[in-house]
């Protein structure tokens, strides 16, 4: 099986436009997207704990919601 390679650029909205490729109608094509070295170089390192203490979680966060919530009985009618 022949392997053909080409380069492209992902446009705004995540669209990858492939044009003028040497494939015949009905052929199956496998597309693999790899980040370029410049993409990796521009990526800023993640800083763990940067926003530590900025968010507070309620003690009952993991508690089950009451049936009235699921039945829509808690909604404000106005």
PDB file of N, CA and C in Angstrom:
ATOM      1  N   UNK A   1       0.844  -1.170   0.000  1.00  0.00           N
ATOM      2  CA  UNK A   1       0.000   0.000   0.000  1.00  0.00           C
ATOM      3  C   UNK A   1       0.896   1.244   0.000  1.00  0.00           C
ATOM      4  N   UNK A   2       0.627   2.171  -0.887  1.00  0.00           N
ATOM      5  CA  UNK A   2       1.370   3.423  -0.952  1.00  0.00           C
ATOM      6  C   UNK A   2       0.883   4.370   0.136  1.00  0.00           C
ATOM      7  N   UNK A   3       1.816   5.105   0.710  1.00  0.00           N
ATOM      8  CA  UNK A   3       1.484   6.107   1.719  1.00  0.00           C
ATOM      9  C   UNK A   3       1.744   7.473   1.106  1.00  0.00           C
ATOM     10  N   UNK A   4       0.730   8.275   1.056  1.00  0.00           N
ATOM     11  CA  UNK A   4       0.851   9.638   0.541  1.00  0.00           C
ATOM     12  C   UNK A   4       0.700  10.595   1.711  1.00  0.00           C
ATOM     13  N   UNK A   5       1.559  11.593   1.782  1.00  0.00           N
ATOM     14  CA  UNK A   5       1.490  12.567   2.853  1.00  0.00           C
ATOM     15  C   UNK A   5       1.286  13.950   2.273  1.00  0.00           C
ATOM     16  N   UNK A   6       0.585  14.775   3.018  1.00  0.00           N
ATOM     17  CA  UNK A   6       0.399  16.167   2.650  1.00  0.00           C
ATOM     18  C   UNK A   6       0.297  16.974   3.929  1.00  0.00           C
ATOM     19  N   UNK A   7       0.442  18.251   3.814  1.00  0.00           N
ATOM     20  CA  UNK A   7       0.319  19.111   4.985  1.00  0.00           C
ATOM     21  C   UNK A   7      -0.864  20.036   4.793  1.00  0.00           C
ATOM     22  N   UNK A   8      -1.463  20.415   5.889  1.00  0.00           N
ATOM     23  CA  UNK A   8      -2.573  21.350   5.861  1.00  0.00           C
ATOM     24  C   UNK A   8      -2.589  22.114   7.162  1.00  0.00           C
ATOM     25  N   UNK A   9      -3.487  23.051   7.237  1.00  0.00           N
ATOM     26  CA  UNK A   9      -3.592  23.860   8.446  1.00  0.00           C
ATOM     27  C   UNK A   9      -5.044  23.865   8.902  1.00  0.00           C
ATOM     28  N   UNK A  10      -5.252  23.700  10.188  1.00  0.00           N
ATOM     29  CA  UNK A  10      -6.611  23.729  10.725  1.00  0.00           C
ATOM     30  C   UNK A  10      -7.034  25.182  10.835  1.00  0.00           C
ATOM     31  N   UNK A  11      -8.175  25.490  10.229  1.00  0.00           N
ATOM     32  CA  UNK A  11      -8.674  26.858  10.190  1.00  0.00           C
ATOM     33  C   UNK A  11      -9.541  27.139  11.417  1.00  0.00           C
ATOM     34  N   UNK A  12      -9.973  28.383  11.549  1.00  0.00           N
ATOM     35  CA  UNK A  12     -10.868  28.763  12.636  1.00  0.00           C
ATOM     36  C   UNK A  12     -12.077  27.846  12.637  1.00  0.00           C
ATOM     37  N   UNK A  13     -12.516  27.465  13.821  1.00  0.00           N
ATOM     38  CA  UNK A  13     -13.651  26.572  13.931  1.00  0.00           C
ATOM     39  C   UNK A  13     -13.258  25.107  13.819  1.00  0.00           C
ATOM     40  N   UNK A  14     -11.964  24.822  13.702  1.00  0.00           N
ATOM     41  CA  UNK A  14     -11.505  23.436  13.655  1.00  0.00           C
ATOM     42  C   UNK A  14     -11.659  22.770  12.306  1.00  0.00           C
ATOM     43  N   UNK A  15     -11.836  23.540  11.238  1.00  0.00           N
ATOM     44  CA  UNK A  15     -12.030  22.981   9.909  1.00  0.00           C
ATOM     45  C   UNK A  15     -10.690  22.656   9.268  1.00  0.00           C
ATOM     46  N   UNK A  16     -10.535  21.424   8.836  1.00  0.00           N
ATOM     47  CA  UNK A  16      -9.340  21.005   8.110  1.00  0.00           C
ATOM     48  C   UNK A  16      -9.727  20.846   6.647  1.00  0.00           C
ATOM     49  N   UNK A  17      -9.176  21.677   5.807  1.00  0.00           N
ATOM     50  CA  UNK A  17      -9.525  21.666   4.389  1.00  0.00           C
ATOM     51  C   UNK A  17      -8.438  20.926   3.607  1.00  0.00           C
ATOM     52  N   UNK A  18      -8.850  19.854   2.952  1.00  0.00           N
ATOM     53  CA  UNK A  18      -7.934  19.074   2.131  1.00  0.00           C
ATOM     54  C   UNK A  18      -8.302  19.286   0.666  1.00  0.00           C
ATOM     55  N   UNK A  19      -7.380  19.828  -0.107  1.00  0.00           N
ATOM     56  CA  UNK A  19      -7.659  20.134  -1.507  1.00  0.00           C
ATOM     57  C   UNK A  19      -6.585  19.515  -2.398  1.00  0.00           C
ATOM     58  N   UNK A  20      -6.978  19.213  -3.606  1.00  0.00           N
ATOM     59  CA  UNK A  20      -6.050  18.730  -4.629  1.00  0.00           C
ATOM     60  C   UNK A  20      -5.252  17.504  -4.169  1.00  0.00           C
ATOM     61  N   UNK A  21      -5.946  16.554  -3.571  1.00  0.00           N
ATOM     62  CA  UNK A  21      -5.285  15.330  -3.137  1.00  0.00           C
ATOM     63  C   UNK A  21      -5.370  14.284  -4.245  1.00  0.00           C
ATOM     64  N   UNK A  22      -4.344  13.440  -4.383  1.00  0.00           N
ATOM     65  CA  UNK A  22      -4.285  12.482  -5.491  1.00  0.00           C
ATOM     66  C   UNK A  22      -5.037  11.179  -5.216  1.00  0.00           C
ATOM     67  N   UNK A  23      -6.305  11.261  -4.840  1.00  0.00           N
ATOM     68  CA  UNK A  23      -7.082  10.068  -4.549  1.00  0.00           C
ATOM     69  C   UNK A  23      -8.175   9.908  -5.579  1.00  0.00           C
ATOM     70  N   UNK A  24      -8.492   8.678  -5.869  1.00  0.00           N
ATOM     71  CA  UNK A  24      -9.563   8.382  -6.811  1.00  0.00           C
ATOM     72  C   UNK A  24     -10.890   8.307  -6.071  1.00  0.00           C
ATOM     73  N   UNK A  25     -11.953   8.539  -6.805  1.00  0.00           N
ATOM     74  CA  UNK A  25     -13.296   8.445  -6.240  1.00  0.00           C
ATOM     75  C   UNK A  25     -13.513   7.055  -5.665  1.00  0.00           C
ATOM     76  N   UNK A  26     -13.993   6.968  -4.429  1.00  0.00           N
ATOM     77  CA  UNK A  26     -14.274   5.693  -3.790  1.00  0.00           C
ATOM     78  C   UNK A  26     -13.148   5.150  -2.932  1.00  0.00           C
ATOM     79  N   UNK A  27     -11.976   5.765  -2.980  1.00  0.00           N
ATOM     80  CA  UNK A  27     -10.879   5.298  -2.133  1.00  0.00           C
ATOM     81  C   UNK A  27     -11.143   5.718  -0.688  1.00  0.00           C
ATOM     82  N   UNK A  28     -10.670   4.904   0.232  1.00  0.00           N
ATOM     83  CA  UNK A  28     -10.755   5.243   1.653  1.00  0.00           C
ATOM     84  C   UNK A  28      -9.475   5.967   2.050  1.00  0.00           C
ATOM     85  N   UNK A  29      -9.628   6.984   2.881  1.00  0.00           N
ATOM     86  CA  UNK A  29      -8.489   7.806   3.285  1.00  0.00           C
ATOM     87  C   UNK A  29      -8.430   7.846   4.806  1.00  0.00           C
ATOM     88  N   UNK A  30      -7.261   7.650   5.364  1.00  0.00           N
ATOM     89  CA  UNK A  30      -7.043   7.770   6.807  1.00  0.00           C
ATOM     90  C   UNK A  30      -6.348   9.104   7.045  1.00  0.00           C
ATOM     91  N   UNK A  31      -6.939   9.961   7.868  1.00  0.00           N
ATOM     92  CA  UNK A  31      -6.368  11.276   8.174  1.00  0.00           C
ATOM     93  C   UNK A  31      -5.854  11.251   9.600  1.00  0.00           C
ATOM     94  N   UNK A  32      -4.604  11.652   9.777  1.00  0.00           N
ATOM     95  CA  UNK A  32      -4.004  11.713  11.104  1.00  0.00           C
ATOM     96  C   UNK A  32      -3.530  13.138  11.328  1.00  0.00           C
ATOM     97  N   UNK A  33      -3.953  13.729  12.437  1.00  0.00           N
ATOM     98  CA  UNK A  33      -3.578  15.108  12.749  1.00  0.00           C
ATOM     99  C   UNK A  33      -2.561  15.084  13.873  1.00  0.00           C
ATOM    100  N   UNK A  34      -1.431  15.716  13.622  1.00  0.00           N
ATOM    101  CA  UNK A  34      -0.365  15.802  14.618  1.00  0.00           C
ATOM    102  C   UNK A  34      -0.055  17.277  14.860  1.00  0.00           C
ATOM    103  N   UNK A  35       0.187  17.669  16.113  1.00  0.00           N
ATOM    104  CA  UNK A  35       0.574  19.062  16.362  1.00  0.00           C
ATOM    105  C   UNK A  35       1.965  19.320  15.792  1.00  0.00           C
ATOM    106  N   UNK A  36       2.154  20.497  15.273  1.00  0.00           N
ATOM    107  CA  UNK A  36       3.477  20.844  14.755  1.00  0.00           C
ATOM    108  C   UNK A  36       4.382  21.209  15.925  1.00  0.00           C
ATOM    109  N   UNK A  37       5.671  21.224  15.676  1.00  0.00           N
ATOM    110  CA  UNK A  37       6.628  21.585  16.718  1.00  0.00           C
ATOM    111  C   UNK A  37       6.390  23.009  17.215  1.00  0.00           C
ATOM    112  N   UNK A  38       5.959  23.896  16.318  1.00  0.00           N
ATOM    113  CA  UNK A  38       5.707  25.282  16.741  1.00  0.00           C
ATOM    114  C   UNK A  38       4.496  25.354  17.662  1.00  0.00           C
ATOM    115  N   UNK A  39       3.480  24.497  17.446  1.00  0.00           N
ATOM    116  CA  UNK A  39       2.322  24.463  18.341  1.00  0.00           C
ATOM    117  C   UNK A  39       2.759  24.070  19.747  1.00  0.00           C
ATOM    118  N   UNK A  40       3.609  23.071  19.840  1.00  0.00           N
ATOM    119  CA  UNK A  40       4.072  22.603  21.143  1.00  0.00           C
ATOM    120  C   UNK A  40       4.957  23.642  21.819  1.00  0.00           C
ATOM    121  N   UNK A  41       5.762  24.353  21.049  1.00  0.00           N
ATOM    122  CA  UNK A  41       6.657  25.356  21.613  1.00  0.00           C
ATOM    123  C   UNK A  41       5.882  26.555  22.146  1.00  0.00           C
ATOM    124  N   UNK A  42       4.722  26.873  21.537  1.00  0.00           N
ATOM    125  CA  UNK A  42       3.940  28.029  21.956  1.00  0.00           C
ATOM    126  C   UNK A  42       3.044  27.727  23.146  1.00  0.00           C
ATOM    127  N   UNK A  43       2.873  26.460  23.473  1.00  0.00           N
ATOM    128  CA  UNK A  43       1.991  26.071  24.567  1.00  0.00           C
ATOM    129  C   UNK A  43       2.627  26.465  25.895  1.00  0.00           C
ATOM    130  N   UNK A  44       1.865  27.178  26.726  1.00  0.00           N
ATOM    131  CA  UNK A  44       2.362  27.586  28.035  1.00  0.00           C
ATOM    132  C   UNK A  44       2.227  26.412  29.001  1.00  0.00           C
ATOM    133  N   UNK A  45       3.171  26.260  29.914  1.00  0.00           N
ATOM    134  CA  UNK A  45       3.076  25.158  30.866  1.00  0.00           C
ATOM    135  C   UNK A  45       1.907  25.372  31.832  1.00  0.00           C
ATOM    136  N   UNK A  46       1.291  24.280  32.245  1.00  0.00           N
ATOM    137  CA  UNK A  46       0.181  24.343  33.196  1.00  0.00           C
ATOM    138  C   UNK A  46       0.750  24.540  34.591  1.00  0.00           C
ATOM    139  N   UNK A  47       0.176  25.467  35.332  1.00  0.00           N
ATOM    140  CA  UNK A  47       0.637  25.745  36.686  1.00  0.00           C
ATOM    141  C   UNK A  47      -0.391  25.180  37.658  1.00  0.00           C
ATOM    142  N   UNK A  48      -0.022  24.119  38.371  1.00  0.00           N
ATOM    143  CA  UNK A  48      -0.928  23.494  39.317  1.00  0.00           C
ATOM    144  C   UNK A  48      -1.125  24.402  40.527  1.00  0.00           C
ATOM    145  N   UNK A  49      -2.366  24.458  41.016  1.00  0.00           N
ATOM    146  CA  UNK A  49      -2.675  25.234  42.213  1.00  0.00           C
ATOM    147  C   UNK A  49      -2.794  26.725  41.972  1.00  0.00           C
ATOM    148  N   UNK A  50      -2.842  27.139  40.726  1.00  0.00           N
ATOM    149  CA  UNK A  50      -2.876  28.565  40.406  1.00  0.00           C
ATOM    150  C   UNK A  50      -4.096  29.258  41.011  1.00  0.00           C
ATOM    151  N   UNK A  51      -5.230  28.579  41.025  1.00  0.00           N
ATOM    152  CA  UNK A  51      -6.467  29.179  41.543  1.00  0.00           C
ATOM    153  C   UNK A  51      -6.923  28.513  42.839  1.00  0.00           C
ATOM    154  N   UNK A  52      -5.987  27.927  43.534  1.00  0.00           N
ATOM    155  CA  UNK A  52      -6.322  27.231  44.770  1.00  0.00           C
ATOM    156  C   UNK A  52      -6.949  28.208  45.769  1.00  0.00           C
ATOM    157  N   UNK A  53      -8.064  27.771  46.376  1.00  0.00           N
ATOM    158  CA  UNK A  53      -8.747  28.589  47.370  1.00  0.00           C
ATOM    159  C   UNK A  53      -9.707  29.613  46.786  1.00  0.00           C
ATOM    160  N   UNK A  54      -9.853  29.674  45.473  1.00  0.00           N
ATOM    161  CA  UNK A  54     -10.721  30.659  44.826  1.00  0.00           C
ATOM    162  C   UNK A  54     -12.164  30.176  44.718  1.00  0.00           C
ATOM    163  N   UNK A  55     -12.392  28.871  44.877  1.00  0.00           N
ATOM    164  CA  UNK A  55     -13.727  28.295  44.735  1.00  0.00           C
ATOM    165  C   UNK A  55     -14.062  27.543  46.010  1.00  0.00           C
ATOM    166  N   UNK A  56     -15.286  27.719  46.468  1.00  0.00           N
ATOM    167  CA  UNK A  56     -15.745  26.972  47.634  1.00  0.00           C
ATOM    168  C   UNK A  56     -16.863  26.042  47.209  1.00  0.00           C
ATOM    169  N   UNK A  57     -16.814  24.815  47.691  1.00  0.00           N
ATOM    170  CA  UNK A  57     -17.803  23.808  47.346  1.00  0.00           C
ATOM    171  C   UNK A  57     -18.677  23.557  48.569  1.00  0.00           C
ATOM    172  N   UNK A  58     -19.982  23.488  48.363  1.00  0.00           N
ATOM    173  CA  UNK A  58     -20.926  23.217  49.443  1.00  0.00           C
ATOM    174  C   UNK A  58     -20.674  21.818  50.015  1.00  0.00           C
ATOM    175  N   UNK A  59     -20.889  21.665  51.320  1.00  0.00           N
ATOM    176  CA  UNK A  59     -20.685  20.363  51.952  1.00  0.00           C
ATOM    177  C   UNK A  59     -21.621  19.294  51.404  1.00  0.00           C
ATOM    178  N   UNK A  60     -22.795  19.707  50.916  1.00  0.00           N
ATOM    179  CA  UNK A  60     -23.775  18.736  50.406  1.00  0.00           C
ATOM    180  C   UNK A  60     -23.715  18.582  48.887  1.00  0.00           C
ATOM    181  N   UNK A  61     -22.598  18.955  48.281  1.00  0.00           N
ATOM    182  CA  UNK A  61     -22.462  18.919  46.826  1.00  0.00           C
ATOM    183  C   UNK A  61     -22.762  17.542  46.243  1.00  0.00           C
ATOM    184  N   UNK A  62     -22.295  16.480  46.884  1.00  0.00           N
ATOM    185  CA  UNK A  62     -22.466  15.120  46.374  1.00  0.00           C
ATOM    186  C   UNK A  62     -23.769  14.456  46.809  1.00  0.00           C
ATOM    187  N   UNK A  63     -24.563  15.145  47.617  1.00  0.00           N
ATOM    188  CA  UNK A  63     -25.830  14.559  48.080  1.00  0.00           C
ATOM    189  C   UNK A  63     -26.801  14.426  46.910  1.00  0.00           C
ATOM    190  N   UNK A  64     -27.647  13.401  46.930  1.00  0.00           N
ATOM    191  CA  UNK A  64     -28.643  13.240  45.864  1.00  0.00           C
ATOM    192  C   UNK A  64     -29.619  14.422  45.849  1.00  0.00           C
ATOM    193  N   UNK A  65     -30.087  14.788  44.674  1.00  0.00           N
ATOM    194  CA  UNK A  65     -31.081  15.853  44.553  1.00  0.00           C
ATOM    195  C   UNK A  65     -32.452  15.288  44.907  1.00  0.00           C
ATOM    196  N   UNK A  66     -33.316  16.118  45.494  1.00  0.00           N
ATOM    197  CA  UNK A  66     -34.642  15.624  45.870  1.00  0.00           C
ATOM    198  C   UNK A  66     -35.503  15.353  44.638  1.00  0.00           C
ATOM    199  N   UNK A  67     -36.528  14.508  44.807  1.00  0.00           N
ATOM    200  CA  UNK A  67     -37.446  14.201  43.709  1.00  0.00           C
ATOM    201  C   UNK A  67     -38.104  15.458  43.161  1.00  0.00           C
ATOM    202  N   UNK A  68     -38.365  16.436  44.021  1.00  0.00           N
ATOM    203  CA  UNK A  68     -39.016  17.670  43.563  1.00  0.00           C
ATOM    204  C   UNK A  68     -38.167  18.383  42.505  1.00  0.00           C
ATOM    205  N   UNK A  69     -36.859  18.266  42.601  1.00  0.00           N
ATOM    206  CA  UNK A  69     -35.990  18.855  41.584  1.00  0.00           C
ATOM    207  C   UNK A  69     -36.210  18.177  40.239  1.00  0.00           C
ATOM    208  N   UNK A  70     -36.210  16.841  40.233  1.00  0.00           N
ATOM    209  CA  UNK A  70     -36.330  16.072  39.003  1.00  0.00           C
ATOM    210  C   UNK A  70     -37.734  16.191  38.398  1.00  0.00           C
ATOM    211  N   UNK A  71     -38.722  16.438  39.239  1.00  0.00           N
ATOM    212  CA  UNK A  71     -40.110  16.556  38.755  1.00  0.00           C
ATOM    213  C   UNK A  71     -40.468  17.982  38.370  1.00  0.00           C
ATOM    214  N   UNK A  72     -39.538  18.913  38.546  1.00  0.00           N
ATOM    215  CA  UNK A  72     -39.774  20.305  38.165  1.00  0.00           C
ATOM    216  C   UNK A  72     -40.635  21.069  39.151  1.00  0.00           C
ATOM    217  N   UNK A  73     -40.780  20.541  40.342  1.00  0.00           N
ATOM    218  CA  UNK A  73     -41.616  21.196  41.333  1.00  0.00           C
ATOM    219  C   UNK A  73     -40.917  22.360  42.007  1.00  0.00           C
ATOM    220  N   UNK A  74     -39.625  22.483  41.835  1.00  0.00           N
ATOM    221  CA  UNK A  74     -38.869  23.588  42.439  1.00  0.00           C
ATOM    222  C   UNK A  74     -38.820  24.812  41.546  1.00  0.00           C
ATOM    223  N   UNK A  75     -39.330  24.734  40.332  1.00  0.00           N
ATOM    224  CA  UNK A  75     -39.256  25.846  39.393  1.00  0.00           C
ATOM    225  C   UNK A  75     -40.169  26.984  39.804  1.00  0.00           C
ATOM    226  N   UNK A  76     -39.727  28.202  39.554  1.00  0.00           N
ATOM    227  CA  UNK A  76     -40.515  29.385  39.839  1.00  0.00           C
ATOM    228  C   UNK A  76     -41.491  29.593  38.682  1.00  0.00           C
ATOM    229  N   UNK A  77     -42.808  29.599  38.917  1.00  0.00           N
ATOM    230  CA  UNK A  77     -43.777  29.699  37.821  1.00  0.00           C
ATOM    231  C   UNK A  77     -43.817  31.075  37.139  1.00  0.00           C
ATOM    232  N   UNK A  78     -43.227  32.101  37.749  1.00  0.00           N
ATOM    233  CA  UNK A  78     -43.323  33.438  37.136  1.00  0.00           C
ATOM    234  C   UNK A  78     -42.291  33.681  36.087  1.00  0.00           C
TER     235      UNK A  78
END
